[in-house]
N, C-alpha and C. Protein backbone atom coordinates (compact mmCIF):
# COMPACT_ATOMS: atom_id res chain seq x y z
N MET A 1 100.05 63.54 98.85
CA MET A 1 99.38 64.68 99.48
C MET A 1 99.32 65.82 98.45
N SER A 2 98.16 66.29 98.13
CA SER A 2 98.03 67.34 97.13
C SER A 2 97.93 68.71 97.79
N ARG A 3 98.40 69.72 97.05
CA ARG A 3 98.35 71.09 97.54
C ARG A 3 96.99 71.69 97.24
N PRO A 4 96.55 72.63 98.06
CA PRO A 4 95.30 73.33 97.76
C PRO A 4 95.44 74.02 96.40
N PRO A 5 94.39 74.06 95.60
CA PRO A 5 94.50 74.62 94.26
C PRO A 5 94.75 76.13 94.23
N HIS A 6 94.40 76.82 95.28
CA HIS A 6 94.53 78.29 95.28
C HIS A 6 95.40 78.71 96.45
N ARG A 7 96.64 78.28 96.43
CA ARG A 7 97.57 78.59 97.51
C ARG A 7 98.37 79.83 97.17
N ARG A 8 98.28 80.83 98.02
CA ARG A 8 99.02 82.08 97.81
C ARG A 8 100.49 81.87 98.09
N PRO A 9 101.38 82.62 97.43
CA PRO A 9 102.82 82.47 97.67
C PRO A 9 103.16 82.85 99.11
N ARG A 10 103.85 81.96 99.81
CA ARG A 10 104.18 82.20 101.22
C ARG A 10 105.00 83.46 101.43
N ALA A 11 106.01 83.65 100.59
CA ALA A 11 106.88 84.82 100.76
C ALA A 11 106.08 86.12 100.60
N ALA A 12 105.15 86.13 99.65
CA ALA A 12 104.35 87.34 99.43
C ALA A 12 103.40 87.58 100.60
N VAL A 13 102.83 86.51 101.13
CA VAL A 13 101.94 86.64 102.29
C VAL A 13 102.74 87.15 103.49
N TRP A 14 103.93 86.59 103.69
CA TRP A 14 104.78 87.03 104.80
C TRP A 14 105.13 88.51 104.66
N MET A 15 105.53 88.90 103.43
CA MET A 15 105.91 90.29 103.20
C MET A 15 104.74 91.22 103.49
N ARG A 16 103.57 90.85 103.02
CA ARG A 16 102.38 91.68 103.24
C ARG A 16 102.10 91.81 104.73
N GLU A 17 102.19 90.71 105.46
CA GLU A 17 101.93 90.74 106.90
C GLU A 17 102.99 91.53 107.66
N ALA A 18 104.24 91.42 107.23
CA ALA A 18 105.34 92.09 107.93
C ALA A 18 105.30 93.61 107.75
N VAL A 19 104.82 94.06 106.61
CA VAL A 19 104.89 95.48 106.28
C VAL A 19 103.57 96.21 106.50
N LEU A 20 102.47 95.54 106.26
CA LEU A 20 101.16 96.20 106.35
C LEU A 20 100.85 96.55 107.80
N PRO A 21 100.62 97.83 108.09
CA PRO A 21 100.29 98.22 109.46
C PRO A 21 99.01 97.53 109.94
N PRO A 22 98.93 97.21 111.24
CA PRO A 22 97.76 96.50 111.76
C PRO A 22 96.43 97.18 111.44
N ASN A 23 96.41 98.51 111.41
CA ASN A 23 95.15 99.19 111.13
C ASN A 23 94.68 99.01 109.69
N LEU A 24 95.57 98.54 108.80
CA LEU A 24 95.19 98.29 107.41
C LEU A 24 94.94 96.82 107.10
N ARG A 25 95.09 95.96 108.09
CA ARG A 25 94.87 94.52 107.88
C ARG A 25 93.42 94.14 108.12
N SER A 26 92.52 94.83 107.48
CA SER A 26 91.10 94.55 107.68
C SER A 26 90.71 93.27 106.96
N GLU A 27 89.69 92.60 107.47
CA GLU A 27 89.18 91.39 106.84
C GLU A 27 88.68 91.69 105.43
N ALA A 28 88.09 92.86 105.24
CA ALA A 28 87.57 93.21 103.91
C ALA A 28 88.71 93.31 102.90
N LEU A 29 89.79 93.97 103.27
CA LEU A 29 90.93 94.11 102.36
C LEU A 29 91.56 92.76 102.06
N LEU A 30 91.85 91.99 103.11
CA LEU A 30 92.49 90.70 102.90
C LEU A 30 91.56 89.74 102.15
N GLY A 31 90.26 89.82 102.43
CA GLY A 31 89.29 89.00 101.73
C GLY A 31 89.21 89.35 100.26
N ALA A 32 89.26 90.64 99.95
CA ALA A 32 89.22 91.09 98.56
C ALA A 32 90.46 90.61 97.80
N LEU A 33 91.62 90.69 98.43
CA LEU A 33 92.84 90.19 97.81
C LEU A 33 92.74 88.69 97.54
N HIS A 34 92.22 87.95 98.52
CA HIS A 34 92.10 86.51 98.36
C HIS A 34 91.10 86.16 97.26
N GLU A 35 89.97 86.84 97.23
CA GLU A 35 88.97 86.58 96.19
C GLU A 35 89.53 86.84 94.80
N GLU A 36 90.25 87.93 94.65
CA GLU A 36 90.87 88.23 93.35
C GLU A 36 91.89 87.17 92.98
N PHE A 37 92.66 86.73 93.97
CA PHE A 37 93.66 85.68 93.73
C PHE A 37 92.97 84.40 93.26
N VAL A 38 91.91 83.98 93.94
CA VAL A 38 91.20 82.76 93.56
C VAL A 38 90.63 82.88 92.15
N GLN A 39 90.05 84.01 91.84
CA GLN A 39 89.49 84.22 90.51
C GLN A 39 90.58 84.12 89.44
N ARG A 40 91.71 84.74 89.69
CA ARG A 40 92.81 84.67 88.72
C ARG A 40 93.38 83.26 88.62
N ALA A 41 93.41 82.54 89.74
CA ALA A 41 93.97 81.19 89.76
C ALA A 41 93.13 80.20 88.95
N ARG A 42 91.87 80.51 88.75
CA ARG A 42 91.03 79.62 87.95
C ARG A 42 91.53 79.52 86.51
N SER A 43 92.08 80.62 86.00
CA SER A 43 92.59 80.58 84.63
C SER A 43 94.09 80.28 84.58
N SER A 44 94.84 80.70 85.60
CA SER A 44 96.28 80.44 85.62
C SER A 44 96.80 80.54 87.06
N ALA A 45 97.13 79.40 87.64
CA ALA A 45 97.66 79.40 89.02
C ALA A 45 98.97 80.17 89.08
N TRP A 46 99.83 79.96 88.08
CA TRP A 46 101.11 80.65 88.06
C TRP A 46 100.90 82.16 87.94
N GLY A 47 100.00 82.56 87.05
CA GLY A 47 99.71 83.98 86.86
C GLY A 47 99.14 84.62 88.11
N ALA A 48 98.29 83.87 88.82
CA ALA A 48 97.70 84.39 90.06
C ALA A 48 98.76 84.58 91.13
N ARG A 49 99.69 83.64 91.23
CA ARG A 49 100.77 83.76 92.21
C ARG A 49 101.68 84.94 91.87
N LEU A 50 101.95 85.13 90.58
CA LEU A 50 102.76 86.25 90.14
C LEU A 50 102.05 87.57 90.47
N TRP A 51 100.76 87.64 90.19
CA TRP A 51 99.98 88.85 90.49
C TRP A 51 100.02 89.14 91.99
N TYR A 52 99.80 88.11 92.82
CA TYR A 52 99.79 88.30 94.27
C TYR A 52 101.15 88.80 94.76
N GLY A 53 102.21 88.25 94.18
CA GLY A 53 103.56 88.70 94.54
C GLY A 53 103.78 90.16 94.20
N ARG A 54 103.31 90.58 93.03
CA ARG A 54 103.44 91.99 92.64
C ARG A 54 102.66 92.89 93.59
N VAL A 55 101.47 92.45 93.99
CA VAL A 55 100.67 93.24 94.93
C VAL A 55 101.41 93.36 96.26
N ALA A 56 101.97 92.25 96.75
CA ALA A 56 102.69 92.27 98.03
C ALA A 56 103.89 93.20 97.97
N VAL A 57 104.63 93.18 96.87
CA VAL A 57 105.78 94.07 96.73
C VAL A 57 105.30 95.53 96.69
N GLY A 58 104.22 95.79 95.97
CA GLY A 58 103.67 97.14 95.92
C GLY A 58 103.27 97.65 97.30
N VAL A 59 102.65 96.79 98.08
CA VAL A 59 102.26 97.16 99.44
C VAL A 59 103.50 97.43 100.28
N ALA A 60 104.51 96.57 100.14
CA ALA A 60 105.74 96.74 100.93
C ALA A 60 106.42 98.06 100.59
N VAL A 61 106.46 98.40 99.31
CA VAL A 61 107.10 99.65 98.90
C VAL A 61 106.33 100.84 99.44
N ARG A 62 105.01 100.82 99.26
CA ARG A 62 104.20 101.97 99.71
C ARG A 62 104.21 102.10 101.24
N CYS A 63 103.91 101.02 101.92
CA CYS A 63 103.81 101.09 103.39
C CYS A 63 105.18 101.21 104.04
N GLY A 64 106.17 100.56 103.49
CA GLY A 64 107.52 100.66 104.03
C GLY A 64 108.04 102.08 103.92
N GLY A 65 107.77 102.74 102.81
CA GLY A 65 108.18 104.12 102.61
C GLY A 65 107.46 105.07 103.55
N GLU A 66 106.18 104.80 103.79
CA GLU A 66 105.40 105.65 104.70
C GLU A 66 105.88 105.52 106.13
N GLN A 67 106.31 104.32 106.53
CA GLN A 67 106.78 104.10 107.90
C GLN A 67 108.09 104.83 108.17
N ARG A 68 108.92 105.00 107.13
CA ARG A 68 110.21 105.68 107.31
C ARG A 68 110.05 107.19 107.39
N ASN A 69 108.99 107.71 106.77
CA ASN A 69 108.81 109.18 106.75
C ASN A 69 108.31 109.72 108.04
């Protein structure tokens, strides 16, 4: 059984979903993230997963900090 070639890191997807407020989970935003991930994965799957993880952590830090304030 083979994995999809452009599979986003589960932990990063979970973190993004857990922290991102519902009003910011627009299809356009999530679609743009996915498109960028797929484009990056064409040259380096590992690099694309690393990039996606960094984006998820950045979102968690920004949105998590805003929720506490």
